[in-house]
Each structure stands twice: as C-alpha cells, then as structure tokens.
C-alpha cells in the first residue's frame, strides 16, 4: 500500500488556478470544493490558508469547502486553528468511523493503535 504524502503546495495552487481558468471559460458555476486525497486535515495551516484563499479568488461563487479528516488530525489542530479554517471557508469535515480495536486498525492500515 502506498504511503501517504502531501503534494507540493505549488502543484495544488496551480490545479486551483487551472480549474478557475476553466470555470471562467464555461458557463459552470463552482459553488462547492472538496479538498481530496485522503486526510486533507493533515495539511499544516501554512498550506490550508493559501489553498482557501486561492479557492475564494478563483471561484467567486464558492459557497462551501469540505474535506476528509481523521479524528486524530482534527484533534491535532488547536481550537484557534479550527476556528481560523472555518473563518477562511472550510465549512464541512467528513470524518469516517474510527475503532478502538487494534486488530481492526491494523487491518485498515490506519497508521495507529487504540492508545494513540
């Protein structure tokens, strides 16, 4: 199974700019954006801020940004960081079911155990 890695921020921002150019050249209205590829909440704040800013710049009709997250990565963010993400436009976080069973966590390759 491939290991999780974070894409370079420059690539992500360029993808947003390319999508914005496409949207301006079509009758499409981009109102929702889903930040994909696993657990986006693992991104550091210095990546989230330019992503959310660029998304707002590129998609003026943007109403909602959402992403996947694990409970661990949400808990690793401070209350102030979570509030900042919300204020900058991250409105919905999808969290999957977690388990307290080490055997299940190992089978799902979650990268942790119950004690973590």
Protein backbone atom coordinates (compact mmCIF):
# COMPACT_ATOMS: atom_id res chain seq x y z
CA UNK A 1 0.00 0.00 0.00
CA UNK A 2 1.44 3.42 -0.95
CA UNK A 3 2.41 5.68 1.94
CA UNK A 4 0.53 8.92 2.45
CA UNK A 5 2.41 12.01 1.34
CA UNK A 6 1.46 15.64 0.91
CA UNK A 7 1.62 17.11 -2.58
CA UNK A 8 3.73 20.21 -3.03
CA UNK A 9 1.61 23.28 -2.31
CA UNK A 10 2.64 24.87 -5.61
CA UNK A 11 1.01 21.97 -7.51
CA UNK A 12 -2.21 22.25 -5.52
CA UNK A 13 -2.44 26.00 -6.05
CA UNK A 14 -1.74 25.59 -9.78
CA UNK A 15 -4.52 22.99 -10.00
CA UNK A 16 -6.89 25.50 -8.42
CA UNK A 17 -5.80 28.22 -10.85
CA UNK A 18 -6.23 25.88 -13.83
CA UNK A 19 -9.70 24.88 -12.63
CA UNK A 20 -10.56 28.55 -12.13
CA UNK A 21 -9.49 29.38 -15.69
CA UNK A 22 -11.60 26.51 -16.99
CA UNK A 23 -14.61 27.66 -14.96
CA UNK A 24 -14.30 31.23 -16.27
CA UNK A 25 -14.33 29.91 -19.86
CA UNK A 26 -17.51 27.86 -19.36
CA UNK A 27 -20.98 28.53 -18.02
CA UNK A 28 -20.05 26.45 -14.95
CA UNK A 29 -20.67 27.87 -11.50
CA UNK A 30 -18.35 26.39 -8.92
CA UNK A 31 -20.14 26.58 -5.59
CA UNK A 32 -18.58 23.60 -3.79
CA UNK A 33 -14.98 22.47 -3.49
CA UNK A 34 -13.85 19.19 -1.95
CA UNK A 35 -10.19 19.02 -0.95
CA UNK A 36 -9.37 15.40 -1.73
CA UNK A 37 -6.70 12.76 -1.45
CA UNK A 38 -7.13 11.09 1.89
CA UNK A 39 -6.93 13.07 5.07
CA UNK A 40 -6.62 16.69 3.98
CA UNK A 41 -6.82 17.84 7.59
CA UNK A 42 -3.26 16.52 7.90
CA UNK A 43 -2.15 19.58 5.95
CA UNK A 44 -0.41 22.23 8.04
CA UNK A 45 -2.05 25.61 8.47
CA UNK A 46 0.52 27.28 6.22
CA UNK A 47 -0.83 25.10 3.39
CA UNK A 48 -4.53 25.45 4.23
CA UNK A 49 -4.50 29.24 4.25
CA UNK A 50 -3.27 29.74 0.66
CA UNK A 51 -5.50 26.90 -0.58
CA UNK A 52 -8.61 28.52 0.88
CA UNK A 53 -7.56 32.00 -0.27
CA UNK A 54 -6.84 30.82 -3.82
CA UNK A 55 -10.13 28.91 -3.93
CA UNK A 56 -12.05 32.07 -2.98
CA UNK A 57 -10.13 34.11 -5.57
CA UNK A 58 -10.65 31.58 -8.37
CA UNK A 59 -14.28 30.73 -7.65
CA UNK A 60 -16.19 33.87 -6.66
CA UNK A 61 -19.43 31.90 -6.27
CA UNK A 62 -17.83 29.39 -3.91
CA UNK A 63 -20.15 28.65 -1.01
CA UNK A 64 -18.59 25.62 0.66
CA UNK A 65 -15.21 23.92 1.00
CA UNK A 66 -15.08 20.48 2.55
CA UNK A 67 -12.56 17.68 3.16
CA UNK A 68 -11.98 14.30 4.75
CA UNK A 69 -10.34 14.11 8.17
CA UNK A 70 -9.41 11.62 10.82
CA UNK A 71 -10.24 12.28 14.44
CA UNK A 72 -6.51 12.36 15.21
CA UNK A 73 -5.78 15.16 12.74
CA UNK A 74 -8.75 17.23 13.89
CA UNK A 75 -7.59 16.78 17.49
CA UNK A 76 -4.07 17.84 16.49
CA UNK A 77 -5.36 21.25 15.42
CA UNK A 78 -5.89 23.83 18.15
CA UNK A 79 -9.28 25.43 18.71
CA UNK A 80 -7.88 28.63 17.23
CA UNK A 81 -6.64 26.79 14.11
CA UNK A 82 -10.01 25.08 13.61
CA UNK A 83 -11.79 28.41 14.07
CA UNK A 84 -9.43 30.02 11.55
CA UNK A 85 -10.11 27.28 8.99
CA UNK A 86 -13.83 27.84 9.44
CA UNK A 87 -13.48 31.61 9.10
CA UNK A 88 -11.40 31.17 5.94
CA UNK A 89 -14.02 28.95 4.33
CA UNK A 90 -13.63 25.31 5.40
CA UNK A 91 -17.22 24.52 6.29
CA UNK A 92 -17.62 20.75 6.29
CA UNK A 93 -15.33 17.98 7.50
CA UNK A 94 -16.19 14.34 6.81
CA UNK A 95 -14.89 12.01 9.48
CA UNK A 96 -15.07 8.27 8.99
CA UNK A 97 -15.71 5.74 11.70
CA UNK A 98 -12.82 5.02 13.98
CA UNK A 99 -12.16 1.93 16.04
CA UNK A 100 -10.86 1.17 19.49
CA UNK A 101 -9.76 -2.27 18.35
CA UNK A 102 -6.05 -2.57 17.49
CA UNK A 103 -6.61 -5.56 15.20
CA UNK A 104 -9.21 -3.66 13.18
CA UNK A 105 -6.99 -0.58 12.98
CA UNK A 106 -4.10 -2.73 11.74
CA UNK A 107 -6.30 -4.34 9.06
CA UNK A 108 -7.49 -0.92 7.90
CA UNK A 109 -3.91 0.38 7.83
CA UNK A 110 -4.92 3.48 9.73
CA UNK A 111 -1.37 4.02 10.96
CA UNK A 112 -2.10 3.96 14.64
CA UNK A 113 -3.41 1.95 17.54
CA UNK A 114 -6.03 2.45 20.24
CA UNK A 115 -3.53 4.03 22.61
CA UNK A 116 -2.58 6.65 20.03
